C-alpha atoms as a PDB file:
ATOM      1  CA  MET A   1      40.245 128.983 120.551  1.00  0.00           C
ATOM      2  CA  ASP A   2      37.103 129.441 118.442  1.00  0.00           C
ATOM      3  CA  TYR A   3      35.895 132.853 119.594  1.00  0.00           C
ATOM      4  CA  ALA A   4      32.813 132.641 117.372  1.00  0.00           C
ATOM      5  CA  LEU A   5      31.422 130.001 119.735  1.00  0.00           C
ATOM      6  CA  LEU A   6      31.631 132.348 122.720  1.00  0.00           C
ATOM      7  CA  PRO A   7      28.812 134.800 123.395  1.00  0.00           C
ATOM      8  CA  PRO A   8      29.641 138.505 123.639  1.00  0.00           C
ATOM      9  CA  GLU A   9      29.187 138.346 127.406  1.00  0.00           C
ATOM     10  CA  VAL A  10      32.329 136.179 127.528  1.00  0.00           C
ATOM     11  CA  ASN A  11      34.463 137.936 124.906  1.00  0.00           C
ATOM     12  CA  SER A  12      33.570 141.438 126.059  1.00  0.00           C
ATOM     13  CA  GLY A  13      33.849 140.394 129.696  1.00  0.00           C
ATOM     14  CA  ARG A  14      37.376 139.104 129.222  1.00  0.00           C
ATOM     15  CA  MET A  15      38.559 142.116 127.277  1.00  0.00           C
ATOM     16  CA  TRP A  16      37.035 144.735 129.547  1.00  0.00           C
ATOM     17  CA  ALA A  17      37.981 142.985 132.807  1.00  0.00           C
ATOM     18  CA  GLY A  18      41.694 142.600 131.959  1.00  0.00           C
ATOM     19  CA  PRO A  19      44.492 144.779 133.411  1.00  0.00           C
ATOM     20  CA  GLY A  20      44.804 146.864 130.237  1.00  0.00           C
ATOM     21  CA  ALA A  21      47.801 147.821 128.122  1.00  0.00           C
ATOM     22  CA  GLY A  22      49.485 150.088 130.672  1.00  0.00           C
ATOM     23  CA  SER A  23      51.728 147.319 131.966  1.00  0.00           C
ATOM     24  CA  LEU A  24      52.758 146.467 128.398  1.00  0.00           C
ATOM     25  CA  HIS A  25      53.849 150.024 127.711  1.00  0.00           C
ATOM     26  CA  ALA A  26      55.754 150.039 131.006  1.00  0.00           C
ATOM     27  CA  ALA A  27      57.401 146.724 130.099  1.00  0.00           C
ATOM     28  CA  ALA A  28      58.482 148.184 126.741  1.00  0.00           C
ATOM     29  CA  VAL A  29      60.139 151.084 128.570  1.00  0.00           C
ATOM     30  CA  ALA A  30      61.861 148.629 130.919  1.00  0.00           C
ATOM     31  CA  TRP A  31      63.174 146.612 127.953  1.00  0.00           C
ATOM     32  CA  ASP A  32      64.495 149.817 126.388  1.00  0.00           C
ATOM     33  CA  GLU A  33      66.282 150.707 129.619  1.00  0.00           C
ATOM     34  CA  MET A  34      67.799 147.229 129.773  1.00  0.00           C
ATOM     35  CA  ALA A  35      68.985 147.571 126.167  1.00  0.00           C
ATOM     36  CA  ALA A  36      70.547 150.935 127.020  1.00  0.00           C
ATOM     37  CA  ASN A  37      72.366 149.333 129.968  1.00  0.00           C
ATOM     38  CA  PHE A  38      73.719 146.590 127.706  1.00  0.00           C
ATOM     39  CA  TYR A  39      74.872 149.116 125.098  1.00  0.00           C
ATOM     40  CA  ASP A  40      76.466 151.285 127.786  1.00  0.00           C
ATOM     41  CA  ALA A  41      78.331 148.322 129.248  1.00  0.00           C
ATOM     42  CA  ALA A  42      79.515 147.236 125.786  1.00  0.00           C
ATOM     43  CA  GLY A  43      80.798 150.734 125.032  1.00  0.00           C
ATOM     44  CA  THR A  44      82.610 150.982 128.358  1.00  0.00           C
ATOM     45  CA  TYR A  45      84.244 147.589 127.884  1.00  0.00           C
ATOM     46  CA  ALA A  46      85.343 148.561 124.373  1.00  0.00           C
ATOM     47  CA  THR A  47      86.881 151.801 125.664  1.00  0.00           C
ATOM     48  CA  MET A  48      88.777 149.969 128.395  1.00  0.00           C
ATOM     49  CA  LEU A  49      90.050 147.419 125.889  1.00  0.00           C
ATOM     50  CA  ALA A  50      91.341 150.216 123.661  1.00  0.00           C
ATOM     51  CA  ASN A  51      93.138 151.820 126.609  1.00  0.00           C
ATOM     52  CA  LEU A  52      94.664 148.515 127.703  1.00  0.00           C
ATOM     53  CA  ALA A  53      95.873 147.746 124.192  1.00  0.00           C
ATOM     54  CA  MET A  54      98.208 150.739 124.375  1.00  0.00           C
ATOM     55  CA  SER A  55      99.948 149.621 127.592  1.00  0.00           C
ATOM     56  CA  TRP A  56      99.602 145.852 127.987  1.00  0.00           C
ATOM     57  CA  ARG A  57     101.353 143.410 125.667  1.00  0.00           C
ATOM     58  CA  GLY A  58     101.985 139.696 125.563  1.00  0.00           C
ATOM     59  CA  PRO A  59     100.100 136.374 125.296  1.00  0.00           C
ATOM     60  CA  SER A  60      98.023 137.074 128.409  1.00  0.00           C
ATOM     61  CA  ALA A  61      96.928 140.399 127.007  1.00  0.00           C
ATOM     62  CA  THR A  62      96.013 138.732 123.726  1.00  0.00           C
ATOM     63  CA  LYS A  63      93.892 136.097 125.480  1.00  0.00           C
ATOM     64  CA  MET A  64      92.183 138.659 127.663  1.00  0.00           C
ATOM     65  CA  THR A  65      91.436 140.910 124.698  1.00  0.00           C
ATOM     66  CA  ALA A  66      89.982 138.030 122.679  1.00  0.00           C
ATOM     67  CA  ALA A  67      87.736 136.918 125.553  1.00  0.00           C
ATOM     68  CA  ALA A  68      86.602 140.449 126.335  1.00  0.00           C
ATOM     69  CA  THR A  69      85.948 141.189 122.652  1.00  0.00           C
ATOM     70  CA  HIS A  70      83.602 138.206 122.468  1.00  0.00           C
ATOM     71  CA  PHE A  71      81.880 139.435 125.614  1.00  0.00           C
ATOM     72  CA  VAL A  72      81.423 142.916 124.116  1.00  0.00           C
ATOM     73  CA  ALA A  73      79.841 141.286 121.056  1.00  0.00           C
ATOM     74  CA  TRP A  74      77.488 139.340 123.328  1.00  0.00           C
ATOM     75  CA  LEU A  75      76.525 142.509 125.187  1.00  0.00           C
ATOM     76  CA  THR A  76      75.772 144.256 121.895  1.00  0.00           C
ATOM     77  CA  ALA A  77      73.706 141.331 120.587  1.00  0.00           C
ATOM     78  CA  SER A  78      71.828 141.124 123.893  1.00  0.00           C
ATOM     79  CA  ALA A  79      71.086 144.844 123.698  1.00  0.00           C
ATOM     80  CA  ALA A  80      69.579 144.344 120.240  1.00  0.00           C
ATOM     81  CA  GLU A  81      67.444 141.461 121.549  1.00  0.00           C
ATOM     82  CA  ALA A  82      66.221 143.622 124.427  1.00  0.00           C
ATOM     83  CA  GLU A  83      65.305 146.350 121.930  1.00  0.00           C
ATOM     84  CA  ARG A  84      63.335 143.847 119.889  1.00  0.00           C
ATOM     85  CA  ALA A  85      61.527 142.655 123.020  1.00  0.00           C
ATOM     86  CA  GLY A  86      60.505 146.244 123.712  1.00  0.00           C
ATOM     87  CA  GLN A  87      59.238 146.610 120.152  1.00  0.00           C
ATOM     88  CA  HIS A  88      57.227 143.391 120.523  1.00  0.00           C
ATOM     89  CA  ALA A  89      55.687 144.687 123.743  1.00  0.00           C
ATOM     90  CA  ARG A  90      54.612 147.867 121.937  1.00  0.00           C
ATOM     91  CA  LEU A  91      53.153 145.867 119.046  1.00  0.00           C
ATOM     92  CA  PHE A  92      51.230 143.723 121.501  1.00  0.00           C
ATOM     93  CA  ALA A  93      49.980 146.808 123.337  1.00  0.00           C
ATOM     94  CA  ALA A  94      48.782 148.277 120.032  1.00  0.00           C
ATOM     95  CA  ALA A  95      47.013 145.017 119.152  1.00  0.00           C
ATOM     96  CA  TYR A  96      45.316 144.999 122.539  1.00  0.00           C
ATOM     97  CA  GLU A  97      44.196 148.624 122.268  1.00  0.00           C
ATOM     98  CA  ILE A  98      42.738 148.039 118.789  1.00  0.00           C
ATOM     99  CA  ALA A  99      40.907 144.923 119.997  1.00  0.00           C
ATOM    100  CA  HIS A 100      39.627 146.817 123.015  1.00  0.00           C
ATOM    101  CA  LEU A 101      38.169 149.507 120.747  1.00  0.00           C
ATOM    102  CA  MET A 102      36.599 146.895 118.451  1.00  0.00           C
ATOM    103  CA  THR A 103      35.071 144.878 121.296  1.00  0.00           C
ATOM    104  CA  VAL A 104      31.558 145.828 122.376  1.00  0.00           C
ATOM    105  CA  PRO A 105      31.562 147.322 125.895  1.00  0.00           C
ATOM    106  CA  LEU A 106      30.324 144.794 128.408  1.00  0.00           C
ATOM    107  CA  ALA A 107      27.747 147.269 129.757  1.00  0.00           C
ATOM    108  CA  GLU A 108      26.194 147.504 126.298  1.00  0.00           C
ATOM    109  CA  VAL A 109      25.951 143.719 126.019  1.00  0.00           C
ATOM    110  CA  LEU A 110      24.375 143.377 129.473  1.00  0.00           C
ATOM    111  CA  THR A 111      21.901 146.156 128.697  1.00  0.00           C
ATOM    112  CA  ASN A 112      20.863 144.347 125.533  1.00  0.00           C
ATOM    113  CA  ARG A 113      20.231 141.149 127.479  1.00  0.00           C
ATOM    114  CA  LEU A 114      18.284 142.966 130.170  1.00  0.00           C
ATOM    115  CA  VAL A 115      16.054 144.616 127.573  1.00  0.00           C
ATOM    116  CA  HIS A 116      15.577 141.249 125.908  1.00  0.00           C
ATOM    117  CA  HIS A 117      14.351 139.629 129.115  1.00  0.00           C
ATOM    118  CA  VAL A 118      11.970 142.529 129.815  1.00  0.00           C
ATOM    119  CA  LEU A 119      10.546 142.413 126.293  1.00  0.00           C
ATOM    120  CA  VAL A 120      10.027 138.669 126.447  1.00  0.00           C
ATOM    121  CA  ALA A 121       8.501 138.807 129.931  1.00  0.00           C
ATOM    122  CA  THR A 122       5.990 141.473 128.892  1.00  0.00           C
ATOM    123  CA  ASN A 123       5.143 140.075 125.446  1.00  0.00           C
ATOM    124  CA  PHE A 124       1.682 138.836 126.481  1.00  0.00           C
ATOM    125  CA  PHE A 125      -0.071 139.463 123.174  1.00  0.00           C
ATOM    126  CA  GLY A 126       2.925 139.506 120.807  1.00  0.00           C
ATOM    127  CA  GLN A 127       3.105 143.274 120.782  1.00  0.00           C
ATOM    128  CA  ASN A 128       6.849 143.174 121.577  1.00  0.00           C
ATOM    129  CA  THR A 129       7.797 140.716 118.821  1.00  0.00           C
ATOM    130  CA  PRO A 130       9.193 143.346 116.413  1.00  0.00           C
ATOM    131  CA  LEU A 131      11.260 144.873 119.221  1.00  0.00           C
ATOM    132  CA  ILE A 132      12.485 141.439 120.290  1.00  0.00           C
ATOM    133  CA  MET A 133      13.608 140.741 116.718  1.00  0.00           C
ATOM    134  CA  LEU A 134      15.477 144.050 116.577  1.00  0.00           C
ATOM    135  CA  ASN A 135      17.025 143.327 119.956  1.00  0.00           C
ATOM    136  CA  GLU A 136      18.186 139.878 118.842  1.00  0.00           C
ATOM    137  CA  ALA A 137      19.610 141.283 115.605  1.00  0.00           C
ATOM    138  CA  ASP A 138      21.646 143.800 117.607  1.00  0.00           C
ATOM    139  CA  TYR A 139      22.841 140.995 119.874  1.00  0.00           C
ATOM    140  CA  GLY A 140      23.953 139.037 116.804  1.00  0.00           C
ATOM    141  CA  ARG A 141      25.875 142.106 115.643  1.00  0.00           C
ATOM    142  CA  MET A 142      27.657 142.233 119.020  1.00  0.00           C
ATOM    143  CA  TRP A 143      28.473 138.523 118.795  1.00  0.00           C
ATOM    144  CA  ALA A 144      30.025 138.877 115.343  1.00  0.00           C
ATOM    145  CA  GLN A 145      31.873 142.074 116.259  1.00  0.00           C
ATOM    146  CA  ASP A 146      33.433 140.548 119.373  1.00  0.00           C
ATOM    147  CA  ALA A 147      34.470 137.376 117.529  1.00  0.00           C
ATOM    148  CA  ALA A 148      36.127 139.382 114.735  1.00  0.00           C
ATOM    149  CA  ALA A 149      37.961 141.546 117.281  1.00  0.00           C
ATOM    150  CA  MET A 150      39.255 138.531 119.199  1.00  0.00           C
ATOM    151  CA  TYR A 151      40.391 136.677 116.062  1.00  0.00           C
ATOM    152  CA  ALA A 152      42.366 139.729 114.929  1.00  0.00           C
ATOM    153  CA  TYR A 153      43.780 140.160 118.417  1.00  0.00           C
ATOM    154  CA  ALA A 154      44.844 136.519 118.659  1.00  0.00           C
ATOM    155  CA  GLU A 155      46.641 136.690 115.306  1.00  0.00           C
ATOM    156  CA  ALA A 156      48.460 139.921 116.142  1.00  0.00           C
ATOM    157  CA  SER A 157      49.386 138.823 119.653  1.00  0.00           C
ATOM    158  CA  ALA A 158      50.756 135.489 118.452  1.00  0.00           C
ATOM    159  CA  ALA A 159      53.210 137.303 116.177  1.00  0.00           C
ATOM    160  CA  ALA A 160      54.120 139.917 118.791  1.00  0.00           C
ATOM    161  CA  SER A 161      54.762 137.399 121.571  1.00  0.00           C
ATOM    162  CA  ARG A 162      57.415 135.423 119.682  1.00  0.00           C
ATOM    163  CA  LEU A 163      60.725 136.331 121.344  1.00  0.00           C
ATOM    164  CA  THR A 164      64.213 135.149 120.397  1.00  0.00           C
ATOM    165  CA  PRO A 165      65.960 133.497 123.370  1.00  0.00           C
ATOM    166  CA  PHE A 166      69.132 135.140 124.614  1.00  0.00           C
ATOM    167  CA  THR A 167      72.334 133.244 123.806  1.00  0.00           C
ATOM    168  CA  ALA A 168      74.955 132.417 126.422  1.00  0.00           C
ATOM    169  CA  PRO A 169      78.095 134.570 126.473  1.00  0.00           C
ATOM    170  CA  ALA A 170      81.358 132.948 125.478  1.00  0.00           C
ATOM    171  CA  PRO A 171      83.599 131.931 128.427  1.00  0.00           C
ATOM    172  CA  THR A 172      85.739 134.850 129.580  1.00  0.00           C
ATOM    173  CA  THR A 173      88.254 132.829 131.620  1.00  0.00           C
ATOM    174  CA  ASP A 174      90.997 130.350 130.809  1.00  0.00           C
ATOM    175  CA  PRO A 175      89.937 126.824 131.860  1.00  0.00           C
ATOM    176  CA  GLY A 176      93.462 126.376 133.243  1.00  0.00           C
ATOM    177  CA  GLY A 177      92.962 129.283 135.604  1.00  0.00           C
ATOM    178  CA  LEU A 178      94.546 132.699 135.970  1.00  0.00           C
ATOM    179  CA  VAL A 179      96.776 134.093 138.649  1.00  0.00           C
ATOM    180  CA  GLY A 180      95.992 136.326 141.618  1.00  0.00           C
ATOM    181  CA  GLN A 181      93.694 139.237 141.161  1.00  0.00           C
ATOM    182  CA  PHE A 182      93.214 138.558 137.465  1.00  0.00           C
ATOM    183  CA  ALA A 183      91.602 135.215 138.308  1.00  0.00           C
ATOM    184  CA  ALA A 184      89.389 136.619 141.053  1.00  0.00           C
ATOM    185  CA  ARG A 185      88.055 139.392 138.875  1.00  0.00           C
ATOM    186  CA  ALA A 186      87.582 137.195 135.813  1.00  0.00           C
ATOM    187  CA  VAL A 187      85.701 134.583 137.862  1.00  0.00           C
ATOM    188  CA  GLY A 188      83.520 137.335 139.264  1.00  0.00           C
ATOM    189  CA  THR A 189      82.745 138.497 135.736  1.00  0.00           C
ATOM    190  CA  ALA A 190      81.906 134.960 134.622  1.00  0.00           C
ATOM    191  CA  HIS A 191      79.542 134.409 137.550  1.00  0.00           C
ATOM    192  CA  ALA A 192      77.852 137.776 137.018  1.00  0.00           C
ATOM    193  CA  SER A 193      77.487 137.083 133.290  1.00  0.00           C
ATOM    194  CA  GLY A 194      75.870 133.772 134.065  1.00  0.00           C
ATOM    195  CA  GLU A 195      73.462 135.494 136.418  1.00  0.00           C
ATOM    196  CA  VAL A 196      72.502 137.976 133.692  1.00  0.00           C
ATOM    197  CA  LEU A 197      71.761 135.138 131.269  1.00  0.00           C
ATOM    198  CA  GLN A 198      69.754 133.210 133.878  1.00  0.00           C
ATOM    199  CA  GLN A 199      67.594 136.197 134.799  1.00  0.00           C
ATOM    200  CA  VAL A 200      67.024 137.309 131.198  1.00  0.00           C
ATOM    201  CA  ALA A 201      66.175 133.738 130.168  1.00  0.00           C
ATOM    202  CA  ARG A 202      63.574 133.636 132.949  1.00  0.00           C
ATOM    203  CA  LEU A 203      62.193 136.943 131.701  1.00  0.00           C
ATOM    204  CA  HIS A 204      61.877 135.540 128.168  1.00  0.00           C
ATOM    205  CA  GLU A 205      59.986 132.525 129.515  1.00  0.00           C
ATOM    206  CA  LEU A 206      57.517 134.681 131.447  1.00  0.00           C
ATOM    207  CA  THR A 207      56.851 137.435 128.918  1.00  0.00           C
ATOM    208  CA  PRO A 208      54.918 135.445 126.244  1.00  0.00           C
ATOM    209  CA  SER A 209      52.574 133.947 128.854  1.00  0.00           C
ATOM    210  CA  ALA A 210      52.055 137.398 130.332  1.00  0.00           C
ATOM    211  CA  LEU A 211      51.219 138.802 126.922  1.00  0.00           C
ATOM    212  CA  HIS A 212      48.628 136.091 126.291  1.00  0.00           C
ATOM    213  CA  ALA A 213      47.153 136.672 129.771  1.00  0.00           C
ATOM    214  CA  LEU A 214      46.655 140.382 129.178  1.00  0.00           C
ATOM    215  CA  ALA A 215      42.941 140.075 128.444  1.00  0.00           C
ATOM    216  CA  SER A 216      42.352 137.970 131.527  1.00  0.00           C
ATOM    217  CA  PRO A 217      41.534 139.339 134.995  1.00  0.00           C
ATOM    218  CA  ALA A 218      44.323 137.115 136.338  1.00  0.00           C
ATOM    219  CA  GLY A 219      46.869 138.662 133.983  1.00  0.00           C
ATOM    220  CA  SER A 220      48.114 141.161 136.544  1.00  0.00           C
ATOM    221  CA  GLY A 221      49.642 138.356 138.613  1.00  0.00           C
ATOM    222  CA  THR A 222      51.711 137.190 135.672  1.00  0.00           C
ATOM    223  CA  TRP A 223      52.880 140.730 134.998  1.00  0.00           C
ATOM    224  CA  SER A 224      54.042 140.983 138.606  1.00  0.00           C
ATOM    225  CA  LYS A 225      56.395 138.071 137.896  1.00  0.00           C
ATOM    226  CA  VAL A 226      57.627 139.789 134.724  1.00  0.00           C
ATOM    227  CA  TRP A 227      58.441 142.961 136.650  1.00  0.00           C
ATOM    228  CA  THR A 228      60.394 140.917 139.203  1.00  0.00           C
ATOM    229  CA  ALA A 229      62.350 139.252 136.379  1.00  0.00           C
ATOM    230  CA  ILE A 230      63.136 142.617 134.767  1.00  0.00           C
ATOM    231  CA  THR A 231      64.420 143.957 138.096  1.00  0.00           C
ATOM    232  CA  ASP A 232      66.554 140.859 138.698  1.00  0.00           C
ATOM    233  CA  ALA A 233      68.026 141.019 135.184  1.00  0.00           C
ATOM    234  CA  ALA A 234      68.880 144.696 135.555  1.00  0.00           C
ATOM    235  CA  SER A 235      70.574 144.001 138.899  1.00  0.00           C
ATOM    236  CA  ALA A 236      72.600 141.175 137.371  1.00  0.00           C
ATOM    237  CA  MET A 237      73.576 143.454 134.480  1.00  0.00           C
ATOM    238  CA  ARG A 238      74.971 146.001 136.917  1.00  0.00           C
ATOM    239  CA  LYS A 239      76.987 143.297 138.688  1.00  0.00           C
ATOM    240  CA  THR A 240      78.485 142.164 135.383  1.00  0.00           C
ATOM    241  CA  THR A 241      79.572 145.687 134.519  1.00  0.00           C
ATOM    242  CA  GLU A 242      80.991 146.357 137.971  1.00  0.00           C
ATOM    243  CA  TRP A 243      83.033 143.135 138.062  1.00  0.00           C
ATOM    244  CA  GLY A 244      84.388 143.456 134.553  1.00  0.00           C
ATOM    245  CA  LEU A 245      85.253 147.130 134.783  1.00  0.00           C
ATOM    246  CA  LEU A 246      86.906 146.701 138.166  1.00  0.00           C
ATOM    247  CA  GLY A 247      89.611 144.566 136.630  1.00  0.00           C
ATOM    248  CA  ALA A 248      89.841 146.667 133.489  1.00  0.00           C
ATOM    249  CA  ARG A 249      90.222 149.923 135.384  1.00  0.00           C
ATOM    250  CA  TRP A 250      92.798 148.369 137.698  1.00  0.00           C
ATOM    251  CA  ARG A 251      94.890 147.453 134.671  1.00  0.00           C
ATOM    252  CA  SER A 252      94.378 150.729 132.817  1.00  0.00           C
ATOM    253  CA  ASN A 253      95.450 152.748 135.847  1.00  0.00           C
ATOM    254  CA  GLN A 254      98.892 151.147 135.856  1.00  0.00           C
ATOM    255  CA  PRO A 255     101.503 153.578 134.422  1.00  0.00           C
ATOM    256  CA  SER A 256     103.228 150.868 132.402  1.00  0.00           C
ATOM    257  CA  PHE A 257     104.016 147.164 132.310  1.00  0.00           C
ATOM    258  CA  PRO A 258     107.757 146.946 131.726  1.00  0.00           C
ATOM    259  CA  SER A 259     108.290 143.975 134.000  1.00  0.00           C
ATOM    260  CA  PRO A 260     108.446 140.499 132.404  1.00  0.00           C
ATOM    261  CA  SER A 261     105.892 139.387 135.000  1.00  0.00           C
ATOM    262  CA  TRP A 262     103.227 141.335 133.069  1.00  0.00           C
ATOM    263  CA  THR A 263     103.915 139.623 129.766  1.00  0.00           C
ATOM    264  CA  GLY A 264     103.352 136.104 128.619  1.00  0.00           C
END
């Protein structure tokens, strides 16, 4: 968009009528909390794997450990992506706040236009011409100032709104199927992991559009959708942890696995 073509009434009006940067700061905190949840889940999985390695042996244990190790790596990578998303939200908030300070307040622009109309309407003998020229020069200053602020804001926001999509976790179950409770718990983990990815992917799709809508009066509606996506992703994250740790704790609580049925 060529902001230099827009009068200050438009540029200032958009900037001063938007929802502000408060929701961006709150979104950054939410991303940080999501990253902490991912890191916590990864650490808990890693601890359980270490405990299981001391008491469970055999091909099944090897397969389970390999699958779970890949899942821990995915959790850690997802945590890093969530951290980066929070950093981007903070950068965008900073860009918005700087642009807001640089943009002429809408009240000042409207006052200038009101004075202009009064001066023109009462300029019967040309006595107001010098004041009209000063008024127009000040209006030109507002126009240039708003355009410069919006160009800088657009450049900074474009960089801050680029988010790396989350990758899908590696399959955690054997395509041939597992037996009994192992299968039930592993399937539960796979479904919960898929839900996490689906919700976080939706969040990544919504966030850039919400960032670009920040300076618009309608931006608050988009941010409502982002908040819903963050809540859904956090809920899915908890389900993943609960399913995966249920099976891990069940195994780690067994005193030993001497029976051949627990090997191979």
